Amino acid sequence: MRDYMRKYRETDGGGCQRREMEYAKTWRDKNGHWRQLYPAAAAAIDARRRGRLDAATVEGFPPREVHERDRWVCQLCRLPIDPGVAWPDPMSPSVDHVVPLAKGGEHSMANAQSAHLGCNSRKRDRLAS
């Protein structure tokens, strides 16, 4: 599937993504940002996030240390990570939280692991199985 999507993007020239971004901008301009449409929901989300951040342990660490510790291998799919691939490519390196911050995990080296951006995005705020 990855190869198929990669070939499609090459032949499409980024048109699909560009059309999606144009649609989202047009919709936002016409209807307003969701935070403006639902201020109570936005305030509740912000309050929950602030509560998690206040209770969370936050340890500063460079992402490169996590990748070197994990030997540049994605801990979700077990494929190698190419340090030369740049964001926002799905195969670019990212740091994943083993226990997601949304589930009460801490931002520390002990709770961090290497992952491809695409793998990390698919995992979202779930615990790895």
Protein backbone atom coordinates (compact mmCIF):
# COMPACT_ATOMS: atom_id res chain seq x y z
CA MET A 1 0.00 0.00 0.00
CA ARG A 2 2.87 2.37 0.80
CA ASP A 3 4.41 1.77 -2.62
CA TYR A 4 1.05 2.33 -4.32
CA MET A 5 0.48 5.62 -2.47
CA ARG A 6 4.04 6.76 -3.16
CA LYS A 7 3.59 6.11 -6.91
CA TYR A 8 0.19 7.83 -6.87
CA ARG A 9 1.64 10.92 -5.20
CA GLU A 10 4.46 11.02 -7.76
CA THR A 11 2.06 10.90 -10.71
CA ASP A 12 -0.51 13.22 -9.10
CA GLY A 13 2.16 15.83 -8.35
CA GLY A 14 0.70 16.63 -4.94
CA GLY A 15 -2.63 17.64 -6.47
CA CYS A 16 -4.73 15.56 -4.11
CA GLN A 17 -3.13 17.05 -1.01
CA ARG A 18 -3.33 20.54 -2.50
CA ARG A 19 -7.06 20.09 -3.28
CA GLU A 20 -7.71 18.85 0.28
CA MET A 21 -5.92 21.87 1.76
CA GLU A 22 -7.83 24.24 -0.55
CA TYR A 23 -11.13 22.61 0.43
CA ALA A 24 -10.32 22.88 4.15
CA LYS A 25 -9.36 26.55 3.79
CA THR A 26 -12.50 27.33 1.77
CA TRP A 27 -14.68 25.53 4.32
CA ARG A 28 -12.99 27.35 7.23
CA ASP A 29 -13.38 30.73 5.49
CA LYS A 30 -17.06 30.04 4.85
CA ASN A 31 -18.03 28.43 8.17
CA GLY A 32 -15.40 29.61 10.65
CA HIS A 33 -12.85 27.70 12.70
CA TRP A 34 -14.24 24.95 14.93
CA ARG A 35 -13.00 26.83 18.00
CA GLN A 36 -15.26 29.73 17.02
CA LEU A 37 -18.18 27.43 16.26
CA TYR A 38 -17.90 25.44 19.50
CA PRO A 39 -16.24 27.66 22.15
CA ALA A 40 -17.45 25.55 25.10
CA ALA A 41 -15.95 22.37 23.62
CA ALA A 42 -12.70 24.19 22.84
CA ALA A 43 -12.48 25.51 26.40
CA ALA A 44 -13.09 22.00 27.81
CA ILE A 45 -10.36 20.51 25.59
CA ASP A 46 -7.94 23.26 26.62
CA ALA A 47 -8.74 22.73 30.31
CA ARG A 48 -8.14 18.96 30.07
CA ARG A 49 -4.83 19.55 28.27
CA ARG A 50 -3.67 22.07 30.87
CA GLY A 51 -4.57 19.61 33.63
CA ARG A 52 -2.57 16.83 31.98
CA LEU A 53 0.42 19.12 31.47
CA ASP A 54 0.33 20.35 35.07
CA ALA A 55 0.29 16.79 36.38
CA ALA A 56 2.81 15.42 33.88
CA THR A 57 6.53 14.99 34.35
CA VAL A 58 8.34 16.91 31.62
CA GLU A 59 11.99 16.09 31.03
CA GLY A 60 13.86 17.85 28.27
CA PHE A 61 15.79 15.58 25.91
CA PRO A 62 16.95 15.82 22.30
CA PRO A 63 15.04 13.50 19.94
CA ARG A 64 18.34 12.36 18.38
CA GLU A 65 19.26 10.67 21.69
CA VAL A 66 16.05 8.61 21.55
CA HIS A 67 16.76 7.56 17.95
CA GLU A 68 20.37 6.65 18.72
CA ARG A 69 19.32 4.66 21.79
CA ASP A 70 16.83 2.74 19.64
CA ARG A 71 19.44 2.37 16.85
CA TRP A 72 17.24 4.22 14.32
CA VAL A 73 14.64 1.44 14.26
CA CYS A 74 10.91 2.20 14.47
CA GLN A 75 9.64 0.57 17.65
CA LEU A 76 6.13 0.25 16.18
CA CYS A 77 6.78 -1.44 12.81
CA ARG A 78 10.40 -2.57 13.44
CA LEU A 79 11.64 -1.13 10.11
CA PRO A 80 14.75 1.07 9.93
CA ILE A 81 14.36 4.85 10.10
CA ASP A 82 16.32 6.94 7.60
CA PRO A 83 17.62 10.05 9.42
CA GLY A 84 17.86 11.88 6.08
CA VAL A 85 14.10 11.81 5.41
CA ALA A 86 12.56 15.16 6.31
CA TRP A 87 9.22 15.97 7.91
CA PRO A 88 6.34 15.71 6.78
CA ASP A 89 7.24 12.49 4.97
CA PRO A 90 5.48 9.54 6.70
CA MET A 91 8.84 7.73 6.87
CA SER A 92 10.56 10.62 8.65
CA PRO A 93 11.75 10.11 12.25
CA SER A 94 9.53 11.11 15.16
CA VAL A 95 9.45 10.47 18.89
CA ASP A 96 6.52 8.42 20.16
CA HIS A 97 5.36 8.27 23.77
CA VAL A 98 4.93 4.64 24.90
CA VAL A 99 2.18 5.75 27.29
CA PRO A 100 0.59 8.70 25.45
CA LEU A 101 0.49 12.08 27.16
CA ALA A 102 -3.29 12.01 26.69
CA LYS A 103 -3.41 8.84 28.81
CA GLY A 104 -1.28 10.26 31.62
CA GLY A 105 2.16 9.35 30.31
CA GLU A 106 5.17 11.54 31.01
CA HIS A 107 7.43 13.33 28.57
CA SER A 108 10.71 11.62 29.46
CA MET A 109 13.39 9.43 27.89
CA ALA A 110 11.99 6.40 29.71
CA ASN A 111 8.58 6.91 28.06
CA ALA A 112 9.91 7.82 24.59
CA GLN A 113 10.67 5.60 21.62
CA SER A 114 11.66 6.04 17.97
CA ALA A 115 8.94 5.79 15.35
CA HIS A 116 8.22 6.75 11.78
CA LEU A 117 5.92 9.77 11.61
CA GLY A 118 3.29 7.68 9.80
CA CYS A 119 3.44 4.88 12.38
CA ASN A 120 3.24 7.39 15.21
CA SER A 121 0.26 9.13 13.59
CA ARG A 122 -1.57 5.83 13.13
CA LYS A 123 -0.99 4.89 16.77
CA ARG A 124 -2.54 8.20 17.87
CA ASP A 125 -3.23 8.19 21.63
CA ARG A 126 -3.54 4.42 22.02
CA LEU A 127 -1.23 2.13 23.92
CA ALA A 128 0.84 -0.06 21.59
CA SER A 129 -0.36 -3.64 21.48
